[in-house]
């Protein structure tokens, strides 16, 4: 309170806060700062000054001698003097400024359900049964393909013609030699 009173002695605007409010004007920058600090601790109700403490009952306070301008400031604030400056609004016509858009929380994207891949396996049928049986395995696109890769590898290895080549293979047994000889019509 003392700082605002001391400031008001040297400032024409802050010396009469009630007339500033009536004219629709504002206090000076330094006066605003002091008025905000006064408003943190003191408020005016029905012409009487009260303390802003966290107590239950309002506490009536006495304004010190030499700070009568603070009573006028409190009266002006009670009647609507703005001690908070309005936000700065500029209308610069050199370039357009779009209005601010408040970001919306992203909506949860619905997971697209892809149909599961079907793997059809033909199981050889025993000789006493005439029909072949189909086993369908469903995979959700995950998991190991180790078994199917190994089966394909063995099948390619068996079907590969170089498997029976005489130059690239060492003979391990007499049966292998006969098989190779009969296939290539090679007779020693």
C-alpha atoms as a PDB file:
ATOM      1  CA  UNK A   1       0.000   0.000   0.000  1.00  0.00           C
ATOM      2  CA  UNK A   2       2.826   2.359   0.860  1.00  0.00           C
ATOM      3  CA  UNK A   3       4.542   1.805  -2.500  1.00  0.00           C
ATOM      4  CA  UNK A   4       1.357   2.591  -4.466  1.00  0.00           C
ATOM      5  CA  UNK A   5       0.790   5.715  -2.348  1.00  0.00           C
ATOM      6  CA  UNK A   6       4.387   6.860  -2.881  1.00  0.00           C
ATOM      7  CA  UNK A   7       4.097   6.211  -6.619  1.00  0.00           C
ATOM      8  CA  UNK A   8       0.804   8.114  -6.870  1.00  0.00           C
ATOM      9  CA  UNK A   9       2.474  11.269  -5.525  1.00  0.00           C
ATOM     10  CA  UNK A  10       4.584  11.509  -8.690  1.00  0.00           C
ATOM     11  CA  UNK A  11       2.132  10.059 -11.279  1.00  0.00           C
ATOM     12  CA  UNK A  12      -0.824  12.061 -12.595  1.00  0.00           C
ATOM     13  CA  UNK A  13      -2.857   8.987 -13.608  1.00  0.00           C
ATOM     14  CA  UNK A  14      -2.332   7.012 -10.428  1.00  0.00           C
ATOM     15  CA  UNK A  15      -3.001  10.031  -8.192  1.00  0.00           C
ATOM     16  CA  UNK A  16      -6.747   9.758  -8.959  1.00  0.00           C
ATOM     17  CA  UNK A  17      -7.694   6.099  -9.703  1.00  0.00           C
ATOM     18  CA  UNK A  18     -11.439   6.822  -9.481  1.00  0.00           C
ATOM     19  CA  UNK A  19     -11.320   9.459 -12.247  1.00  0.00           C
ATOM     20  CA  UNK A  20      -9.168   7.103 -14.384  1.00  0.00           C
ATOM     21  CA  UNK A  21     -11.908   4.470 -14.043  1.00  0.00           C
ATOM     22  CA  UNK A  22     -14.716   6.951 -14.850  1.00  0.00           C
ATOM     23  CA  UNK A  23     -12.881   8.131 -18.001  1.00  0.00           C
ATOM     24  CA  UNK A  24     -12.325   4.495 -19.115  1.00  0.00           C
ATOM     25  CA  UNK A  25      -8.567   4.911 -18.997  1.00  0.00           C
ATOM     26  CA  UNK A  26      -6.009   2.661 -17.292  1.00  0.00           C
ATOM     27  CA  UNK A  27      -3.270   3.193 -14.753  1.00  0.00           C
ATOM     28  CA  UNK A  28       0.344   3.514 -15.858  1.00  0.00           C
ATOM     29  CA  UNK A  29       2.505   0.389 -16.085  1.00  0.00           C
ATOM     30  CA  UNK A  30       4.170   0.891 -12.711  1.00  0.00           C
ATOM     31  CA  UNK A  31       0.803   1.770 -11.141  1.00  0.00           C
ATOM     32  CA  UNK A  32      -0.662  -1.458 -12.549  1.00  0.00           C
ATOM     33  CA  UNK A  33       2.101  -3.465 -10.923  1.00  0.00           C
ATOM     34  CA  UNK A  34       1.532  -1.844  -7.551  1.00  0.00           C
ATOM     35  CA  UNK A  35      -2.261  -2.137  -7.860  1.00  0.00           C
ATOM     36  CA  UNK A  36      -1.953  -5.858  -8.605  1.00  0.00           C
ATOM     37  CA  UNK A  37       0.145  -6.343  -5.485  1.00  0.00           C
ATOM     38  CA  UNK A  38      -2.391  -4.415  -3.396  1.00  0.00           C
ATOM     39  CA  UNK A  39      -5.207  -6.541  -4.860  1.00  0.00           C
ATOM     40  CA  UNK A  40      -3.397  -9.727  -3.779  1.00  0.00           C
ATOM     41  CA  UNK A  41      -3.729  -8.774  -0.109  1.00  0.00           C
ATOM     42  CA  UNK A  42      -6.630  -6.316   0.194  1.00  0.00           C
ATOM     43  CA  UNK A  43     -10.136  -6.007  -1.250  1.00  0.00           C
ATOM     44  CA  UNK A  44     -12.964  -3.530  -0.788  1.00  0.00           C
ATOM     45  CA  UNK A  45     -16.566  -4.370   0.081  1.00  0.00           C
ATOM     46  CA  UNK A  46     -19.168  -1.681   0.747  1.00  0.00           C
ATOM     47  CA  UNK A  47     -16.509   0.989   1.241  1.00  0.00           C
ATOM     48  CA  UNK A  48     -14.539  -1.003   3.837  1.00  0.00           C
ATOM     49  CA  UNK A  49     -11.143  -2.643   3.317  1.00  0.00           C
ATOM     50  CA  UNK A  50     -10.733  -6.335   4.127  1.00  0.00           C
ATOM     51  CA  UNK A  51      -7.702  -8.601   4.189  1.00  0.00           C
ATOM     52  CA  UNK A  52      -7.425 -11.511   1.751  1.00  0.00           C
ATOM     53  CA  UNK A  53      -6.295 -14.196   4.110  1.00  0.00           C
ATOM     54  CA  UNK A  54      -7.357 -17.817   4.141  1.00  0.00           C
ATOM     55  CA  UNK A  55      -9.410 -17.404   7.304  1.00  0.00           C
ATOM     56  CA  UNK A  56     -13.116 -18.198   7.433  1.00  0.00           C
ATOM     57  CA  UNK A  57     -14.371 -14.763   8.500  1.00  0.00           C
ATOM     58  CA  UNK A  58     -13.357 -11.603   6.579  1.00  0.00           C
ATOM     59  CA  UNK A  59     -10.855  -9.469   8.506  1.00  0.00           C
ATOM     60  CA  UNK A  60     -11.471  -5.718   8.520  1.00  0.00           C
ATOM     61  CA  UNK A  61      -8.245  -3.727   8.173  1.00  0.00           C
ATOM     62  CA  UNK A  62      -7.354  -0.103   8.673  1.00  0.00           C
ATOM     63  CA  UNK A  63      -5.672   1.805   5.850  1.00  0.00           C
ATOM     64  CA  UNK A  64      -2.615   3.669   7.209  1.00  0.00           C
ATOM     65  CA  UNK A  65      -2.301   7.442   7.259  1.00  0.00           C
ATOM     66  CA  UNK A  66      -0.819   8.788   4.040  1.00  0.00           C
ATOM     67  CA  UNK A  67      -2.343   5.954   1.950  1.00  0.00           C
ATOM     68  CA  UNK A  68      -5.776   7.517   1.329  1.00  0.00           C
ATOM     69  CA  UNK A  69      -5.232   7.074  -2.415  1.00  0.00           C
ATOM     70  CA  UNK A  70      -5.298   3.297  -1.793  1.00  0.00           C
ATOM     71  CA  UNK A  71      -8.894   3.628  -0.504  1.00  0.00           C
ATOM     72  CA  UNK A  72      -9.798   5.361  -3.795  1.00  0.00           C
ATOM     73  CA  UNK A  73      -7.968   2.588  -5.706  1.00  0.00           C
ATOM     74  CA  UNK A  74      -9.902  -0.126  -3.838  1.00  0.00           C
ATOM     75  CA  UNK A  75     -13.200   1.683  -4.523  1.00  0.00           C
ATOM     76  CA  UNK A  76     -12.346   1.921  -8.248  1.00  0.00           C
ATOM     77  CA  UNK A  77     -11.403  -1.781  -8.350  1.00  0.00           C
ATOM     78  CA  UNK A  78     -14.684  -2.692  -6.646  1.00  0.00           C
ATOM     79  CA  UNK A  79     -16.589  -0.706  -9.274  1.00  0.00           C
ATOM     80  CA  UNK A  80     -14.739  -2.346 -12.167  1.00  0.00           C
ATOM     81  CA  UNK A  81     -11.323  -0.770 -12.697  1.00  0.00           C
ATOM     82  CA  UNK A  82      -9.248  -3.282 -14.595  1.00  0.00           C
ATOM     83  CA  UNK A  83      -5.964  -3.905 -12.892  1.00  0.00           C
ATOM     84  CA  UNK A  84      -5.193  -6.757 -15.242  1.00  0.00           C
ATOM     85  CA  UNK A  85      -4.235  -5.538 -18.673  1.00  0.00           C
ATOM     86  CA  UNK A  86      -6.264  -6.966 -21.533  1.00  0.00           C
ATOM     87  CA  UNK A  87      -4.322  -9.191 -23.924  1.00  0.00           C
ATOM     88  CA  UNK A  88      -2.621  -7.449 -26.802  1.00  0.00           C
ATOM     89  CA  UNK A  89      -4.676  -7.724 -29.979  1.00  0.00           C
ATOM     90  CA  UNK A  90      -3.040  -6.683 -33.207  1.00  0.00           C
ATOM     91  CA  UNK A  91      -4.652  -6.463 -36.585  1.00  0.00           C
ATOM     92  CA  UNK A  92      -1.752  -6.500 -38.982  1.00  0.00           C
ATOM     93  CA  UNK A  93      -3.047  -6.354 -42.541  1.00  0.00           C
ATOM     94  CA  UNK A  94       0.261  -7.311 -44.153  1.00  0.00           C
ATOM     95  CA  UNK A  95      -0.396 -11.027 -43.862  1.00  0.00           C
ATOM     96  CA  UNK A  96      -3.388 -13.117 -42.811  1.00  0.00           C
ATOM     97  CA  UNK A  97      -3.355 -14.912 -39.481  1.00  0.00           C
ATOM     98  CA  UNK A  98      -5.779 -17.823 -39.284  1.00  0.00           C
ATOM     99  CA  UNK A  99      -7.651 -18.361 -36.025  1.00  0.00           C
ATOM    100  CA  UNK A 100      -6.146 -20.765 -33.555  1.00  0.00           C
ATOM    101  CA  UNK A 101      -7.341 -24.311 -33.874  1.00  0.00           C
ATOM    102  CA  UNK A 102      -7.595 -26.366 -30.724  1.00  0.00           C
ATOM    103  CA  UNK A 103      -6.157 -29.793 -31.503  1.00  0.00           C
ATOM    104  CA  UNK A 104      -8.682 -32.555 -31.017  1.00  0.00           C
ATOM    105  CA  UNK A 105      -7.544 -35.815 -29.451  1.00  0.00           C
ATOM    106  CA  UNK A 106      -6.890 -38.343 -32.199  1.00  0.00           C
ATOM    107  CA  UNK A 107      -9.729 -40.752 -32.630  1.00  0.00           C
ATOM    108  CA  UNK A 108      -8.788 -44.320 -32.260  1.00  0.00           C
ATOM    109  CA  UNK A 109      -8.459 -45.750 -35.678  1.00  0.00           C
ATOM    110  CA  UNK A 110     -10.520 -48.809 -36.104  1.00  0.00           C
ATOM    111  CA  UNK A 111      -8.286 -51.720 -36.771  1.00  0.00           C
ATOM    112  CA  UNK A 112      -9.087 -53.216 -40.088  1.00  0.00           C
ATOM    113  CA  UNK A 113      -9.625 -56.911 -39.736  1.00  0.00           C
ATOM    114  CA  UNK A 114      -7.777 -58.719 -42.465  1.00  0.00           C
ATOM    115  CA  UNK A 115      -8.971 -62.198 -43.274  1.00  0.00           C
ATOM    116  CA  UNK A 116      -6.633 -64.868 -42.025  1.00  0.00           C
ATOM    117  CA  UNK A 117      -4.469 -66.602 -44.588  1.00  0.00           C
ATOM    118  CA  UNK A 118      -5.466 -70.144 -45.342  1.00  0.00           C
ATOM    119  CA  UNK A 119      -2.905 -72.846 -45.854  1.00  0.00           C
ATOM    120  CA  UNK A 120      -4.268 -76.020 -47.340  1.00  0.00           C
ATOM    121  CA  UNK A 121      -2.308 -79.149 -46.656  1.00  0.00           C
ATOM    122  CA  UNK A 122      -3.009 -82.355 -48.537  1.00  0.00           C
ATOM    123  CA  UNK A 123      -2.425 -85.336 -46.313  1.00  0.00           C
ATOM    124  CA  UNK A 124      -1.716 -88.635 -48.073  1.00  0.00           C
ATOM    125  CA  UNK A 125      -4.463 -91.142 -47.514  1.00  0.00           C
ATOM    126  CA  UNK A 126      -3.771 -94.689 -46.420  1.00  0.00           C
ATOM    127  CA  UNK A 127      -4.166 -97.218 -49.212  1.00  0.00           C
ATOM    128  CA  UNK A 128      -7.326 -98.711 -47.788  1.00  0.00           C
ATOM    129  CA  UNK A 129      -9.154 -95.320 -48.061  1.00  0.00           C
ATOM    130  CA  UNK A 130     -10.055 -93.951 -51.500  1.00  0.00           C
ATOM    131  CA  UNK A 131     -10.462 -90.210 -50.687  1.00  0.00           C
ATOM    132  CA  UNK A 132      -7.722 -87.738 -49.775  1.00  0.00           C
ATOM    133  CA  UNK A 133      -8.225 -85.572 -46.751  1.00  0.00           C
ATOM    134  CA  UNK A 134      -7.603 -81.776 -46.685  1.00  0.00           C
ATOM    135  CA  UNK A 135      -6.409 -80.149 -43.471  1.00  0.00           C
ATOM    136  CA  UNK A 136      -6.854 -76.382 -43.293  1.00  0.00           C
ATOM    137  CA  UNK A 137      -4.529 -74.412 -41.033  1.00  0.00           C
ATOM    138  CA  UNK A 138      -5.354 -70.771 -40.354  1.00  0.00           C
ATOM    139  CA  UNK A 139      -2.529 -68.380 -39.622  1.00  0.00           C
ATOM    140  CA  UNK A 140      -3.109 -64.797 -38.582  1.00  0.00           C
ATOM    141  CA  UNK A 141      -0.067 -63.678 -40.531  1.00  0.00           C
ATOM    142  CA  UNK A 142       2.279 -64.285 -37.611  1.00  0.00           C
ATOM    143  CA  UNK A 143       4.347 -67.110 -36.340  1.00  0.00           C
ATOM    144  CA  UNK A 144       7.173 -69.246 -37.597  1.00  0.00           C
ATOM    145  CA  UNK A 145       7.213 -70.708 -41.077  1.00  0.00           C
ATOM    146  CA  UNK A 146      10.167 -72.920 -40.237  1.00  0.00           C
ATOM    147  CA  UNK A 147       8.350 -76.213 -40.851  1.00  0.00           C
ATOM    148  CA  UNK A 148       6.933 -75.213 -44.215  1.00  0.00           C
ATOM    149  CA  UNK A 149      10.280 -73.732 -45.295  1.00  0.00           C
ATOM    150  CA  UNK A 150      12.089 -76.932 -44.380  1.00  0.00           C
ATOM    151  CA  UNK A 151       9.549 -79.035 -46.299  1.00  0.00           C
ATOM    152  CA  UNK A 152       9.973 -76.843 -49.368  1.00  0.00           C
ATOM    153  CA  UNK A 153      13.747 -77.060 -49.049  1.00  0.00           C
ATOM    154  CA  UNK A 154      13.695 -80.852 -48.842  1.00  0.00           C
ATOM    155  CA  UNK A 155      11.305 -81.068 -51.791  1.00  0.00           C
ATOM    156  CA  UNK A 156      13.523 -78.784 -53.909  1.00  0.00           C
ATOM    157  CA  UNK A 157      16.566 -80.748 -52.900  1.00  0.00           C
ATOM    158  CA  UNK A 158      14.901 -84.017 -53.927  1.00  0.00           C
ATOM    159  CA  UNK A 159      13.597 -82.640 -57.221  1.00  0.00           C
ATOM    160  CA  UNK A 160      16.859 -80.969 -58.146  1.00  0.00           C
ATOM    161  CA  UNK A 161      18.639 -82.779 -60.978  1.00  0.00           C
ATOM    162  CA  UNK A 162      22.080 -82.037 -59.548  1.00  0.00           C
ATOM    163  CA  UNK A 163      21.207 -84.389 -56.681  1.00  0.00           C
ATOM    164  CA  UNK A 164      21.876 -87.312 -58.998  1.00  0.00           C
ATOM    165  CA  UNK A 165      24.970 -85.870 -60.632  1.00  0.00           C
ATOM    166  CA  UNK A 166      27.911 -88.245 -60.578  1.00  0.00           C
ATOM    167  CA  UNK A 167      30.546 -85.529 -60.552  1.00  0.00           C
ATOM    168  CA  UNK A 168      29.305 -83.545 -57.585  1.00  0.00           C
ATOM    169  CA  UNK A 169      28.511 -86.357 -55.203  1.00  0.00           C
ATOM    170  CA  UNK A 170      30.584 -88.815 -53.315  1.00  0.00           C
ATOM    171  CA  UNK A 171      29.173 -92.229 -53.163  1.00  0.00           C
ATOM    172  CA  UNK A 172      28.393 -93.353 -49.690  1.00  0.00           C
ATOM    173  CA  UNK A 173      26.965 -96.765 -50.429  1.00  0.00           C
ATOM    174  CA  UNK A 174      26.475 -99.215 -53.240  1.00  0.00           C
ATOM    175  CA  UNK A 175      22.718 -98.393 -53.397  1.00  0.00           C
ATOM    176  CA  UNK A 176      23.460 -94.758 -54.167  1.00  0.00           C
ATOM    177  CA  UNK A 177      25.753 -95.769 -56.976  1.00  0.00           C
ATOM    178  CA  UNK A 178      23.205 -98.084 -58.504  1.00  0.00           C
ATOM    179  CA  UNK A 179      20.535 -95.394 -58.335  1.00  0.00           C
ATOM    180  CA  UNK A 180      22.793 -92.859 -60.026  1.00  0.00           C
ATOM    181  CA  UNK A 181      24.009 -95.359 -62.590  1.00  0.00           C
ATOM    182  CA  UNK A 182      20.517 -96.448 -63.512  1.00  0.00           C
ATOM    183  CA  UNK A 183      19.290 -92.917 -63.853  1.00  0.00           C
ATOM    184  CA  UNK A 184      22.104 -91.640 -66.061  1.00  0.00           C
ATOM    185  CA  UNK A 185      22.713 -94.933 -67.760  1.00  0.00           C
ATOM    186  CA  UNK A 186      26.251 -94.875 -66.611  1.00  0.00           C
ATOM    187  CA  UNK A 187      27.817 -98.313 -66.299  1.00  0.00           C
ATOM    188  CA  UNK A 188      31.386 -98.775 -65.071  1.00  0.00           C
END
